Amino acid sequence: MTATPEPASPPASSPTTDQAATAIRKARGSLTRYRWLAFVTGAMLLVLCVEMFFKYVVPVDAVIDYMFWVPFAHGWIYVVYLVTVLDLWAKMRWGYGRLATLVFAGVVPVMSFVLEKKVHAEADAKLDALAERYGV
């Protein structure tokens, strides 16, 4: 009588298909939130640059009177952007260099637009590979 081999079970530390599906879904949600906030933060930073130009370089009182809210709005939007960056960074398990780059993208004009495209492509490829690996 020969013993029938039992099917190999995954190691205790590997995620199940349901866990992988949940993690991938949450990461895609984080990526979508990051994408929107990167656009909004970048746009507000450009508006802030215009406001500062009209305030310090070519003082135009009419423009300055209507744009007093821009620094405050950009500041709070940047805080929300930082929260989405931390959320995405934690879910994607990236290194500290990527975190620093994402943080600085919110304060360097146009960098958030450029970096968002790159980050989205890399994260999407990584999530697609994980979905294929776990059959999700």
N, C-alpha and C. Protein backbone atom coordinates (compact mmCIF):
# COMPACT_ATOMS: atom_id res chain seq x y z
N MET A 1 0.85 -1.17 0.00
CA MET A 1 0.00 0.00 0.00
C MET A 1 0.90 1.23 0.00
N THR A 2 0.69 2.07 -0.98
CA THR A 2 1.50 3.28 -1.08
C THR A 2 0.70 4.46 -0.54
N ALA A 3 1.41 5.33 0.07
CA ALA A 3 0.76 6.53 0.62
C ALA A 3 0.57 7.54 -0.51
N THR A 4 -0.62 8.09 -0.56
CA THR A 4 -0.86 9.11 -1.57
C THR A 4 -0.33 10.44 -1.05
N PRO A 5 0.41 11.09 -1.88
CA PRO A 5 0.96 12.38 -1.41
C PRO A 5 -0.16 13.41 -1.23
N GLU A 6 -0.05 14.14 -0.17
CA GLU A 6 -1.04 15.19 0.08
C GLU A 6 -0.65 16.42 -0.74
N PRO A 7 -1.65 17.18 -1.15
CA PRO A 7 -1.31 18.38 -1.92
C PRO A 7 -0.48 19.33 -1.06
N ALA A 8 0.45 19.95 -1.74
CA ALA A 8 1.32 20.88 -1.02
C ALA A 8 0.51 22.08 -0.59
N SER A 9 0.56 22.38 0.67
CA SER A 9 -0.15 23.56 1.16
C SER A 9 0.84 24.71 1.21
N PRO A 10 0.35 25.91 1.00
CA PRO A 10 1.25 27.06 1.02
C PRO A 10 1.80 27.26 2.42
N PRO A 11 2.97 27.84 2.52
CA PRO A 11 3.52 28.10 3.84
C PRO A 11 2.59 28.99 4.64
N ALA A 12 2.70 28.91 5.95
CA ALA A 12 1.80 29.66 6.83
C ALA A 12 1.91 31.16 6.61
N SER A 13 3.06 31.62 6.15
CA SER A 13 3.25 33.06 6.01
C SER A 13 2.74 33.61 4.67
N SER A 14 2.44 32.74 3.70
CA SER A 14 1.98 33.25 2.40
C SER A 14 0.49 33.56 2.49
N PRO A 15 0.08 34.64 1.81
CA PRO A 15 -1.33 35.04 1.89
C PRO A 15 -2.21 34.12 1.07
N THR A 16 -3.46 34.04 1.49
CA THR A 16 -4.44 33.29 0.72
C THR A 16 -4.91 34.14 -0.44
N THR A 17 -5.67 33.55 -1.33
CA THR A 17 -6.18 34.29 -2.48
C THR A 17 -7.08 35.43 -2.04
N ASP A 18 -7.92 35.18 -1.03
CA ASP A 18 -8.80 36.24 -0.55
C ASP A 18 -8.01 37.39 0.07
N GLN A 19 -6.97 37.05 0.83
CA GLN A 19 -6.15 38.09 1.44
C GLN A 19 -5.41 38.89 0.37
N ALA A 20 -4.91 38.20 -0.63
CA ALA A 20 -4.22 38.89 -1.73
C ALA A 20 -5.17 39.79 -2.49
N ALA A 21 -6.38 39.31 -2.74
CA ALA A 21 -7.37 40.12 -3.45
C ALA A 21 -7.72 41.37 -2.66
N THR A 22 -7.87 41.22 -1.36
CA THR A 22 -8.18 42.37 -0.50
C THR A 22 -7.03 43.37 -0.50
N ALA A 23 -5.81 42.87 -0.37
CA ALA A 23 -4.64 43.76 -0.36
C ALA A 23 -4.49 44.49 -1.69
N ILE A 24 -4.69 43.80 -2.79
CA ILE A 24 -4.58 44.42 -4.11
C ILE A 24 -5.68 45.47 -4.30
N ARG A 25 -6.90 45.15 -3.87
CA ARG A 25 -8.00 46.12 -3.97
C ARG A 25 -7.71 47.38 -3.16
N LYS A 26 -7.20 47.20 -1.95
CA LYS A 26 -6.87 48.36 -1.10
C LYS A 26 -5.73 49.18 -1.71
N ALA A 27 -4.74 48.50 -2.26
CA ALA A 27 -3.62 49.21 -2.88
C ALA A 27 -4.08 49.99 -4.11
N ARG A 28 -4.98 49.42 -4.89
CA ARG A 28 -5.50 50.15 -6.05
C ARG A 28 -6.31 51.37 -5.62
N GLY A 29 -7.04 51.25 -4.52
CA GLY A 29 -7.76 52.41 -3.98
C GLY A 29 -6.80 53.49 -3.54
N SER A 30 -5.72 53.10 -2.87
CA SER A 30 -4.70 54.06 -2.45
C SER A 30 -4.05 54.74 -3.66
N LEU A 31 -3.81 53.96 -4.70
CA LEU A 31 -3.20 54.50 -5.91
C LEU A 31 -4.13 55.52 -6.57
N THR A 32 -5.41 55.24 -6.60
CA THR A 32 -6.37 56.18 -7.18
C THR A 32 -6.43 57.46 -6.37
N ARG A 33 -6.48 57.33 -5.04
CA ARG A 33 -6.49 58.53 -4.20
C ARG A 33 -5.21 59.33 -4.39
N TYR A 34 -4.07 58.67 -4.45
CA TYR A 34 -2.80 59.37 -4.67
C TYR A 34 -2.82 60.11 -6.01
N ARG A 35 -3.34 59.44 -7.02
CA ARG A 35 -3.36 60.04 -8.36
C ARG A 35 -4.14 61.35 -8.37
N TRP A 36 -5.33 61.34 -7.77
CA TRP A 36 -6.14 62.55 -7.71
C TRP A 36 -5.45 63.64 -6.91
N LEU A 37 -4.92 63.28 -5.75
CA LEU A 37 -4.29 64.29 -4.91
C LEU A 37 -3.01 64.83 -5.54
N ALA A 38 -2.30 64.03 -6.30
CA ALA A 38 -1.10 64.52 -6.99
C ALA A 38 -1.48 65.60 -8.00
N PHE A 39 -2.57 65.38 -8.73
CA PHE A 39 -3.03 66.39 -9.68
C PHE A 39 -3.49 67.66 -8.97
N VAL A 40 -4.28 67.50 -7.93
CA VAL A 40 -4.80 68.66 -7.21
C VAL A 40 -3.66 69.43 -6.55
N THR A 41 -2.73 68.72 -5.92
CA THR A 41 -1.60 69.38 -5.26
C THR A 41 -0.73 70.10 -6.28
N GLY A 42 -0.46 69.47 -7.40
CA GLY A 42 0.33 70.11 -8.44
C GLY A 42 -0.34 71.35 -9.00
N ALA A 43 -1.64 71.27 -9.22
CA ALA A 43 -2.38 72.43 -9.73
C ALA A 43 -2.37 73.57 -8.71
N MET A 44 -2.59 73.23 -7.44
CA MET A 44 -2.58 74.27 -6.41
C MET A 44 -1.19 74.88 -6.24
N LEU A 45 -0.16 74.09 -6.43
CA LEU A 45 1.20 74.62 -6.34
C LEU A 45 1.47 75.60 -7.48
N LEU A 46 0.97 75.29 -8.66
CA LEU A 46 1.12 76.23 -9.78
C LEU A 46 0.35 77.52 -9.53
N VAL A 47 -0.85 77.39 -8.97
CA VAL A 47 -1.64 78.59 -8.62
C VAL A 47 -0.90 79.39 -7.55
N LEU A 48 -0.29 78.70 -6.60
CA LEU A 48 0.49 79.38 -5.56
C LEU A 48 1.67 80.14 -6.17
N CYS A 49 2.32 79.54 -7.14
CA CYS A 49 3.44 80.22 -7.81
C CYS A 49 2.96 81.47 -8.53
N VAL A 50 1.81 81.40 -9.17
CA VAL A 50 1.24 82.57 -9.84
C VAL A 50 0.92 83.64 -8.80
N GLU A 51 0.34 83.22 -7.69
CA GLU A 51 0.00 84.17 -6.62
C GLU A 51 1.25 84.86 -6.08
N MET A 52 2.30 84.09 -5.87
CA MET A 52 3.54 84.66 -5.36
C MET A 52 4.19 85.60 -6.38
N PHE A 53 4.07 85.26 -7.66
CA PHE A 53 4.59 86.14 -8.71
C PHE A 53 3.91 87.50 -8.65
N PHE A 54 2.57 87.47 -8.55
CA PHE A 54 1.83 88.73 -8.51
C PHE A 54 1.96 89.45 -7.17
N LYS A 55 2.39 88.75 -6.16
CA LYS A 55 2.55 89.38 -4.85
C LYS A 55 3.94 90.00 -4.68
N TYR A 56 4.98 89.31 -5.16
CA TYR A 56 6.35 89.75 -4.89
C TYR A 56 7.10 90.30 -6.10
N VAL A 57 6.81 89.80 -7.29
CA VAL A 57 7.57 90.22 -8.47
C VAL A 57 6.88 91.40 -9.15
N VAL A 58 5.63 91.23 -9.51
CA VAL A 58 4.85 92.28 -10.16
C VAL A 58 3.61 92.52 -9.29
N PRO A 59 3.74 93.38 -8.29
CA PRO A 59 2.61 93.59 -7.38
C PRO A 59 1.37 94.14 -8.09
N VAL A 60 0.33 93.33 -8.12
CA VAL A 60 -0.95 93.72 -8.68
C VAL A 60 -1.97 93.56 -7.57
N ASP A 61 -2.40 94.69 -7.00
CA ASP A 61 -3.28 94.64 -5.84
C ASP A 61 -4.59 93.93 -6.11
N ALA A 62 -5.14 94.08 -7.30
CA ALA A 62 -6.42 93.44 -7.62
C ALA A 62 -6.29 91.92 -7.57
N VAL A 63 -5.19 91.41 -8.06
CA VAL A 63 -4.97 89.95 -8.04
C VAL A 63 -4.68 89.48 -6.62
N ILE A 64 -3.86 90.21 -5.91
CA ILE A 64 -3.47 89.83 -4.55
C ILE A 64 -4.70 89.76 -3.64
N ASP A 65 -5.63 90.70 -3.80
CA ASP A 65 -6.83 90.72 -2.96
C ASP A 65 -7.69 89.49 -3.14
N TYR A 66 -7.70 88.92 -4.34
CA TYR A 66 -8.54 87.75 -4.60
C TYR A 66 -7.82 86.42 -4.41
N MET A 67 -6.53 86.45 -4.23
CA MET A 67 -5.78 85.19 -4.11
C MET A 67 -5.20 84.97 -2.72
N PHE A 68 -5.70 85.66 -1.72
CA PHE A 68 -5.16 85.51 -0.37
C PHE A 68 -5.36 84.11 0.19
N TRP A 69 -6.33 83.38 -0.30
CA TRP A 69 -6.67 82.06 0.21
C TRP A 69 -5.77 80.95 -0.33
N VAL A 70 -5.04 81.22 -1.39
CA VAL A 70 -4.26 80.18 -2.08
C VAL A 70 -3.21 79.52 -1.18
N PRO A 71 -2.39 80.27 -0.41
CA PRO A 71 -1.40 79.58 0.43
C PRO A 71 -2.03 78.66 1.47
N PHE A 72 -3.14 79.09 2.04
CA PHE A 72 -3.82 78.26 3.04
C PHE A 72 -4.39 77.00 2.41
N ALA A 73 -5.02 77.16 1.26
CA ALA A 73 -5.61 76.01 0.57
C ALA A 73 -4.52 75.02 0.16
N HIS A 74 -3.44 75.54 -0.40
CA HIS A 74 -2.36 74.64 -0.81
C HIS A 74 -1.76 73.92 0.39
N GLY A 75 -1.61 74.62 1.50
CA GLY A 75 -1.05 73.99 2.70
C GLY A 75 -1.89 72.82 3.19
N TRP A 76 -3.20 73.00 3.25
CA TRP A 76 -4.07 71.92 3.72
C TRP A 76 -4.18 70.79 2.69
N ILE A 77 -4.20 71.15 1.42
CA ILE A 77 -4.23 70.11 0.38
C ILE A 77 -2.94 69.31 0.43
N TYR A 78 -1.82 69.97 0.69
CA TYR A 78 -0.54 69.26 0.79
C TYR A 78 -0.55 68.29 1.98
N VAL A 79 -1.17 68.67 3.08
CA VAL A 79 -1.27 67.77 4.23
C VAL A 79 -2.06 66.52 3.85
N VAL A 80 -3.17 66.70 3.15
CA VAL A 80 -3.96 65.55 2.70
C VAL A 80 -3.16 64.72 1.71
N TYR A 81 -2.41 65.37 0.85
CA TYR A 81 -1.52 64.68 -0.10
C TYR A 81 -0.51 63.82 0.65
N LEU A 82 0.07 64.35 1.71
CA LEU A 82 1.04 63.58 2.51
C LEU A 82 0.41 62.33 3.10
N VAL A 83 -0.82 62.45 3.55
CA VAL A 83 -1.51 61.28 4.11
C VAL A 83 -1.71 60.22 3.02
N THR A 84 -2.10 60.65 1.81
CA THR A 84 -2.28 59.67 0.73
C THR A 84 -0.95 59.06 0.30
N VAL A 85 0.12 59.86 0.34
CA VAL A 85 1.45 59.35 0.00
C VAL A 85 1.87 58.28 1.01
N LEU A 86 1.68 58.56 2.28
CA LEU A 86 2.03 57.57 3.32
C LEU A 86 1.21 56.30 3.18
N ASP A 87 -0.06 56.45 2.87
CA ASP A 87 -0.93 55.29 2.70
C ASP A 87 -0.47 54.44 1.52
N LEU A 88 -0.21 55.07 0.39
CA LEU A 88 0.25 54.33 -0.79
C LEU A 88 1.61 53.69 -0.53
N TRP A 89 2.52 54.46 0.06
CA TRP A 89 3.86 53.96 0.34
C TRP A 89 3.81 52.72 1.23
N ALA A 90 2.98 52.75 2.25
CA ALA A 90 2.88 51.61 3.17
C ALA A 90 2.27 50.40 2.47
N LYS A 91 1.26 50.62 1.65
CA LYS A 91 0.60 49.49 0.99
C LYS A 91 1.48 48.87 -0.10
N MET A 92 2.29 49.69 -0.76
CA MET A 92 3.13 49.18 -1.84
C MET A 92 4.48 48.67 -1.32
N ARG A 93 4.78 48.96 -0.07
CA ARG A 93 6.03 48.51 0.58
C ARG A 93 7.26 48.97 -0.19
N TRP A 94 7.28 50.26 -0.47
CA TRP A 94 8.41 50.87 -1.15
C TRP A 94 9.45 51.30 -0.14
N GLY A 95 10.62 51.68 -0.61
CA GLY A 95 11.71 52.13 0.25
C GLY A 95 11.55 53.60 0.65
N TYR A 96 12.44 54.02 1.55
CA TYR A 96 12.39 55.39 2.05
C TYR A 96 12.75 56.42 0.98
N GLY A 97 13.55 56.04 0.03
CA GLY A 97 13.88 56.96 -1.06
C GLY A 97 12.66 57.33 -1.87
N ARG A 98 11.81 56.34 -2.13
CA ARG A 98 10.56 56.60 -2.86
C ARG A 98 9.65 57.51 -2.04
N LEU A 99 9.61 57.28 -0.72
CA LEU A 99 8.79 58.13 0.15
C LEU A 99 9.26 59.58 0.09
N ALA A 100 10.57 59.79 0.20
CA ALA A 100 11.11 61.15 0.15
C ALA A 100 10.80 61.80 -1.19
N THR A 101 10.92 61.06 -2.27
CA THR A 101 10.64 61.61 -3.59
C THR A 101 9.17 62.01 -3.72
N LEU A 102 8.29 61.16 -3.21
CA LEU A 102 6.86 61.48 -3.28
C LEU A 102 6.52 62.70 -2.42
N VAL A 103 7.16 62.82 -1.27
CA VAL A 103 6.92 63.97 -0.40
C VAL A 103 7.39 65.25 -1.08
N PHE A 104 8.57 65.23 -1.67
CA PHE A 104 9.10 66.43 -2.32
C PHE A 104 8.34 66.79 -3.59
N ALA A 105 7.66 65.83 -4.18
CA ALA A 105 6.91 66.12 -5.40
C ALA A 105 5.78 67.12 -5.15
N GLY A 106 5.33 67.23 -3.92
CA GLY A 106 4.27 68.17 -3.61
C GLY A 106 4.74 69.59 -3.41
N VAL A 107 6.05 69.81 -3.37
CA VAL A 107 6.55 71.17 -3.15
C VAL A 107 7.41 71.68 -4.31
N VAL A 108 7.67 70.86 -5.29
CA VAL A 108 8.44 71.28 -6.47
C VAL A 108 7.45 71.41 -7.63
N PRO A 109 7.32 72.61 -8.19
CA PRO A 109 6.34 72.80 -9.26
C PRO A 109 6.53 71.80 -10.41
N VAL A 110 5.45 71.24 -10.87
CA VAL A 110 5.33 70.31 -11.99
C VAL A 110 5.83 68.90 -11.66
N MET A 111 6.61 68.74 -10.60
CA MET A 111 7.16 67.42 -10.29
C MET A 111 6.07 66.41 -9.94
N SER A 112 4.98 66.86 -9.33
CA SER A 112 3.93 65.91 -8.97
C SER A 112 3.28 65.31 -10.21
N PHE A 113 3.17 66.09 -11.28
CA PHE A 113 2.58 65.57 -12.52
C PHE A 113 3.48 64.51 -13.16
N VAL A 114 4.77 64.80 -13.19
CA VAL A 114 5.73 63.89 -13.80
C VAL A 114 5.85 62.61 -12.98
N LEU A 115 6.00 62.77 -11.68
CA LEU A 115 6.18 61.61 -10.81
C LEU A 115 4.92 60.76 -10.73
N GLU A 116 3.76 61.39 -10.78
CA GLU A 116 2.50 60.64 -10.71
C GLU A 116 2.41 59.65 -11.85
N LYS A 117 2.78 60.08 -13.03
CA LYS A 117 2.72 59.19 -14.20
C LYS A 117 3.65 57.99 -14.02
N LYS A 118 4.85 58.25 -13.53
CA LYS A 118 5.82 57.17 -13.32
C LYS A 118 5.36 56.23 -12.21
N VAL A 119 4.93 56.79 -11.10
CA VAL A 119 4.50 55.98 -9.95
C VAL A 119 3.28 55.15 -10.32
N HIS A 120 2.34 55.75 -11.03
CA HIS A 120 1.14 55.01 -11.41
C HIS A 120 1.48 53.83 -12.31
N ALA A 121 2.36 54.04 -13.27
CA ALA A 121 2.73 52.95 -14.18
C ALA A 121 3.43 51.82 -13.43
N GLU A 122 4.37 52.16 -12.55
CA GLU A 122 5.10 51.13 -11.79
C GLU A 122 4.19 50.40 -10.82
N ALA A 123 3.35 51.14 -10.11
CA ALA A 123 2.46 50.51 -9.14
C ALA A 123 1.43 49.63 -9.84
N ASP A 124 0.91 50.11 -10.95
CA ASP A 124 -0.07 49.32 -11.69
C ASP A 124 0.54 48.02 -12.20
N ALA A 125 1.77 48.09 -12.69
CA ALA A 125 2.45 46.88 -13.16
C ALA A 125 2.69 45.90 -12.01
N LYS A 126 3.09 46.44 -10.87
CA LYS A 126 3.33 45.58 -9.69
C LYS A 126 2.04 44.92 -9.22
N LEU A 127 0.96 45.67 -9.19
CA LEU A 127 -0.32 45.11 -8.75
C LEU A 127 -0.86 44.10 -9.76
N ASP A 128 -0.66 44.37 -11.04
CA ASP A 128 -1.08 43.39 -12.06
C ASP A 128 -0.31 42.09 -11.93
N ALA A 129 1.00 42.20 -11.65
CA ALA A 129 1.81 40.99 -11.47
C ALA A 129 1.37 40.22 -10.23
N LEU A 130 1.06 40.93 -9.17
CA LEU A 130 0.57 40.25 -7.95
C LEU A 130 -0.77 39.60 -8.20
N ALA A 131 -1.64 40.27 -8.91
CA ALA A 131 -2.95 39.69 -9.22
C ALA A 131 -2.80 38.42 -10.05
N GLU A 132 -1.88 38.44 -11.01
CA GLU A 132 -1.64 37.26 -11.83
C GLU A 132 -1.03 36.13 -11.00
N ARG A 133 -0.11 36.50 -10.12
CA ARG A 133 0.56 35.50 -9.29
C ARG A 133 -0.41 34.77 -8.37
N TYR A 134 -1.36 35.51 -7.81
CA TYR A 134 -2.31 34.90 -6.87
C TYR A 134 -3.63 34.52 -7.53
N GLY A 135 -3.74 34.72 -8.83
CA GLY A 135 -4.93 34.31 -9.54
C GLY A 135 -6.16 35.11 -9.15
N VAL A 136 -5.94 36.39 -8.94
CA VAL A 136 -7.06 37.26 -8.51
C VAL A 136 -7.65 37.94 -9.72
